[in-house]
């Protein structure tokens, strides 16, 4: 029993290390993009924010709703399902 517990802990640690590596890679990409981003005029940025990125917002909403506490009311945004 003790050995199986250690195996589970080891597997969990390996999984967490993989997650951290993945997040570090994503963070490195974002930093690179921020460092090389060119400033665009305000109307272009506003237009892109209003029209673009709908799928990203739905994805983030799904992620946040999946991790919501049980005593919190989950609100559906647009067509996304909870």
N, C-alpha and C. Protein backbone atom coordinates (compact mmCIF):
# COMPACT_ATOMS: atom_id res chain seq x y z
N UNK A 1 0.83 -1.20 0.00
CA UNK A 1 0.00 0.00 0.00
C UNK A 1 0.87 1.26 0.00
N UNK A 2 1.92 1.22 0.78
CA UNK A 2 2.81 2.36 0.85
C UNK A 2 3.50 2.61 -0.49
N UNK A 3 3.85 1.54 -1.18
CA UNK A 3 4.52 1.66 -2.47
C UNK A 3 3.58 2.27 -3.51
N UNK A 4 2.33 1.86 -3.53
CA UNK A 4 1.37 2.41 -4.51
C UNK A 4 1.13 3.89 -4.24
N UNK A 5 1.16 4.28 -2.98
CA UNK A 5 1.01 5.70 -2.64
C UNK A 5 2.18 6.52 -3.15
N UNK A 6 3.37 5.96 -3.06
CA UNK A 6 4.56 6.65 -3.57
C UNK A 6 4.50 6.77 -5.09
N UNK A 7 4.01 5.71 -5.74
CA UNK A 7 3.89 5.74 -7.19
C UNK A 7 2.91 6.83 -7.61
N UNK A 8 1.80 6.94 -6.91
CA UNK A 8 0.81 7.97 -7.23
C UNK A 8 1.38 9.37 -7.03
N UNK A 9 2.13 9.55 -5.95
CA UNK A 9 2.75 10.84 -5.68
C UNK A 9 3.78 11.16 -6.75
N UNK A 10 4.56 10.17 -7.14
CA UNK A 10 5.57 10.36 -8.18
C UNK A 10 4.91 10.72 -9.50
N UNK A 11 3.85 10.02 -9.86
CA UNK A 11 3.13 10.32 -11.11
C UNK A 11 2.55 11.72 -11.08
N UNK A 12 2.03 12.11 -9.95
CA UNK A 12 1.46 13.46 -9.81
C UNK A 12 2.56 14.52 -9.96
N UNK A 13 3.72 14.28 -9.36
CA UNK A 13 4.82 15.23 -9.48
C UNK A 13 5.31 15.34 -10.92
N UNK A 14 5.39 14.22 -11.61
CA UNK A 14 5.80 14.24 -13.02
C UNK A 14 4.79 15.02 -13.84
N UNK A 15 3.51 14.80 -13.57
CA UNK A 15 2.46 15.53 -14.28
C UNK A 15 2.56 17.03 -14.02
N UNK A 16 2.80 17.40 -12.78
CA UNK A 16 2.96 18.82 -12.44
C UNK A 16 4.19 19.42 -13.11
N UNK A 17 5.28 18.66 -13.18
CA UNK A 17 6.48 19.16 -13.86
C UNK A 17 6.22 19.40 -15.34
N UNK A 18 5.49 18.50 -15.97
CA UNK A 18 5.14 18.68 -17.38
C UNK A 18 4.27 19.91 -17.58
N UNK A 19 3.32 20.10 -16.66
CA UNK A 19 2.45 21.28 -16.75
C UNK A 19 3.27 22.56 -16.60
N UNK A 20 4.19 22.57 -15.65
CA UNK A 20 5.04 23.75 -15.44
C UNK A 20 5.91 24.02 -16.66
N UNK A 21 6.48 22.97 -17.25
CA UNK A 21 7.29 23.14 -18.46
C UNK A 21 6.46 23.73 -19.59
N UNK A 22 5.25 23.23 -19.73
CA UNK A 22 4.36 23.74 -20.78
C UNK A 22 4.03 25.21 -20.55
N UNK A 23 3.71 25.55 -19.31
CA UNK A 23 3.38 26.94 -18.99
C UNK A 23 4.58 27.86 -19.16
N UNK A 24 5.76 27.37 -18.82
CA UNK A 24 6.98 28.16 -19.02
C UNK A 24 7.20 28.44 -20.49
N UNK A 25 6.94 27.45 -21.33
CA UNK A 25 7.07 27.65 -22.78
C UNK A 25 6.08 28.67 -23.29
N UNK A 26 4.84 28.58 -22.82
CA UNK A 26 3.82 29.55 -23.24
C UNK A 26 4.19 30.95 -22.76
N UNK A 27 4.69 31.06 -21.54
CA UNK A 27 5.09 32.36 -21.01
C UNK A 27 6.25 32.94 -21.81
N UNK A 28 7.19 32.11 -22.18
CA UNK A 28 8.32 32.56 -22.99
C UNK A 28 7.82 33.09 -24.34
N UNK A 29 6.84 32.38 -24.95
CA UNK A 29 6.27 32.83 -26.23
C UNK A 29 5.57 34.18 -26.08
N UNK A 30 4.82 34.33 -25.00
CA UNK A 30 4.09 35.59 -24.78
C UNK A 30 5.08 36.73 -24.56
N UNK A 31 6.11 36.48 -23.78
CA UNK A 31 7.12 37.52 -23.56
C UNK A 31 7.79 37.92 -24.86
N UNK A 32 8.09 36.92 -25.70
CA UNK A 32 8.71 37.23 -26.99
C UNK A 32 7.78 38.08 -27.84
N UNK A 33 6.50 37.70 -27.88
CA UNK A 33 5.53 38.46 -28.67
C UNK A 33 5.40 39.89 -28.14
N UNK A 34 5.39 40.05 -26.82
CA UNK A 34 5.29 41.39 -26.25
C UNK A 34 6.53 42.22 -26.57
N UNK A 35 7.67 41.56 -26.56
CA UNK A 35 8.90 42.27 -26.85
C UNK A 35 9.02 42.69 -28.30
N UNK A 36 8.36 41.96 -29.20
CA UNK A 36 8.46 42.24 -30.62
C UNK A 36 7.18 42.82 -31.21
N UNK A 37 6.25 43.14 -30.36
CA UNK A 37 4.97 43.68 -30.85
C UNK A 37 5.18 45.13 -31.29
N UNK A 38 4.58 45.44 -32.41
CA UNK A 38 4.64 46.82 -32.87
C UNK A 38 3.35 47.52 -32.45
N UNK A 39 3.48 48.76 -32.10
CA UNK A 39 2.31 49.53 -31.67
C UNK A 39 1.42 49.80 -32.87
N UNK A 40 0.15 49.50 -32.72
CA UNK A 40 -0.82 49.77 -33.77
C UNK A 40 -1.71 50.92 -33.33
N UNK A 41 -2.31 51.60 -34.27
CA UNK A 41 -3.20 52.71 -33.91
C UNK A 41 -4.36 52.23 -33.04
N UNK A 42 -4.85 53.11 -32.21
CA UNK A 42 -5.93 52.78 -31.29
C UNK A 42 -7.16 52.22 -31.99
N UNK A 43 -7.63 52.81 -33.09
CA UNK A 43 -8.83 52.24 -33.74
C UNK A 43 -8.63 50.79 -34.19
N UNK A 44 -7.44 50.45 -34.64
CA UNK A 44 -7.17 49.08 -35.08
C UNK A 44 -7.24 48.13 -33.89
N UNK A 45 -6.63 48.52 -32.77
CA UNK A 45 -6.66 47.67 -31.57
C UNK A 45 -8.08 47.51 -31.05
N UNK A 46 -8.86 48.59 -31.04
CA UNK A 46 -10.24 48.50 -30.57
C UNK A 46 -11.07 47.58 -31.47
N UNK A 47 -10.91 47.74 -32.77
CA UNK A 47 -11.66 46.93 -33.72
C UNK A 47 -11.31 45.45 -33.54
N UNK A 48 -10.04 45.14 -33.38
CA UNK A 48 -9.60 43.76 -33.19
C UNK A 48 -10.18 43.19 -31.89
N UNK A 49 -10.20 44.00 -30.84
CA UNK A 49 -10.75 43.52 -29.56
C UNK A 49 -12.24 43.30 -29.63
N UNK A 50 -12.95 44.11 -30.40
CA UNK A 50 -14.40 43.96 -30.50
C UNK A 50 -14.79 42.76 -31.35
N UNK A 51 -14.08 42.53 -32.44
CA UNK A 51 -14.47 41.47 -33.36
C UNK A 51 -13.69 40.18 -33.20
N UNK A 52 -12.42 40.28 -32.94
CA UNK A 52 -11.57 39.10 -32.88
C UNK A 52 -11.50 38.51 -31.49
N UNK A 53 -10.98 37.27 -31.44
CA UNK A 53 -10.74 36.65 -30.14
C UNK A 53 -11.96 36.05 -29.47
N UNK A 54 -13.05 35.89 -30.19
CA UNK A 54 -14.25 35.31 -29.57
C UNK A 54 -13.98 33.89 -29.08
N UNK A 55 -13.28 33.11 -29.88
CA UNK A 55 -13.01 31.73 -29.48
C UNK A 55 -12.11 31.69 -28.24
N UNK A 56 -11.17 32.62 -28.12
CA UNK A 56 -10.30 32.66 -26.95
C UNK A 56 -11.11 32.96 -25.69
N UNK A 57 -12.08 33.88 -25.82
CA UNK A 57 -12.90 34.20 -24.65
C UNK A 57 -13.76 33.02 -24.25
N UNK A 58 -14.30 32.29 -25.23
CA UNK A 58 -15.11 31.12 -24.91
C UNK A 58 -14.26 30.07 -24.23
N UNK A 59 -13.03 29.87 -24.72
CA UNK A 59 -12.14 28.89 -24.12
C UNK A 59 -11.84 29.28 -22.67
N UNK A 60 -11.51 30.53 -22.43
CA UNK A 60 -11.18 30.97 -21.07
C UNK A 60 -12.39 30.84 -20.16
N UNK A 61 -13.57 31.15 -20.68
CA UNK A 61 -14.78 31.01 -19.88
C UNK A 61 -14.99 29.55 -19.50
N UNK A 62 -14.73 28.64 -20.44
CA UNK A 62 -14.88 27.22 -20.16
C UNK A 62 -13.90 26.77 -19.09
N UNK A 63 -12.66 27.24 -19.19
CA UNK A 63 -11.65 26.87 -18.20
C UNK A 63 -12.03 27.40 -16.82
N UNK A 64 -12.44 28.65 -16.76
CA UNK A 64 -12.81 29.25 -15.48
C UNK A 64 -14.04 28.56 -14.88
N UNK A 65 -15.03 28.25 -15.70
CA UNK A 65 -16.24 27.61 -15.19
C UNK A 65 -15.96 26.20 -14.70
N UNK A 66 -14.98 25.52 -15.29
CA UNK A 66 -14.66 24.17 -14.88
C UNK A 66 -14.05 24.19 -13.47
N UNK A 67 -13.36 25.28 -13.13
CA UNK A 67 -12.67 25.36 -11.85
C UNK A 67 -13.43 26.18 -10.81
N UNK A 68 -14.70 26.45 -11.06
CA UNK A 68 -15.47 27.29 -10.16
C UNK A 68 -15.81 26.52 -8.88
N UNK A 69 -15.90 27.24 -7.79
CA UNK A 69 -16.24 26.61 -6.52
C UNK A 69 -17.71 26.20 -6.53
N UNK A 70 -18.07 25.15 -5.78
CA UNK A 70 -19.45 24.66 -5.79
C UNK A 70 -20.47 25.68 -5.27
N UNK A 71 -20.07 26.61 -4.42
CA UNK A 71 -21.01 27.56 -3.85
C UNK A 71 -21.11 28.84 -4.68
N UNK A 72 -20.60 28.82 -5.91
CA UNK A 72 -20.61 30.00 -6.76
C UNK A 72 -21.56 29.77 -7.93
N UNK A 73 -22.31 30.78 -8.26
CA UNK A 73 -23.24 30.67 -9.39
C UNK A 73 -22.45 30.81 -10.69
N UNK A 74 -22.66 29.87 -11.61
CA UNK A 74 -21.98 29.89 -12.89
C UNK A 74 -22.89 30.55 -13.90
N UNK A 75 -22.36 31.57 -14.58
CA UNK A 75 -23.14 32.30 -15.56
C UNK A 75 -22.65 31.93 -16.95
N UNK A 76 -23.58 31.61 -17.83
CA UNK A 76 -23.22 31.28 -19.20
C UNK A 76 -23.07 32.56 -19.99
N UNK A 77 -21.98 32.67 -20.75
CA UNK A 77 -21.72 33.85 -21.58
C UNK A 77 -21.96 33.48 -23.03
N UNK A 78 -22.91 34.11 -23.64
CA UNK A 78 -23.17 33.89 -25.06
C UNK A 78 -23.63 32.48 -25.30
N UNK A 79 -22.97 31.82 -26.26
CA UNK A 79 -23.37 30.47 -26.64
C UNK A 79 -22.61 29.39 -25.90
N UNK A 80 -21.71 29.76 -25.00
CA UNK A 80 -20.92 28.73 -24.32
C UNK A 80 -21.79 28.00 -23.31
N UNK A 81 -21.53 26.71 -23.19
CA UNK A 81 -22.30 25.90 -22.25
C UNK A 81 -21.44 25.57 -21.05
N UNK A 82 -22.06 25.48 -19.92
CA UNK A 82 -21.35 25.19 -18.68
C UNK A 82 -21.53 23.74 -18.33
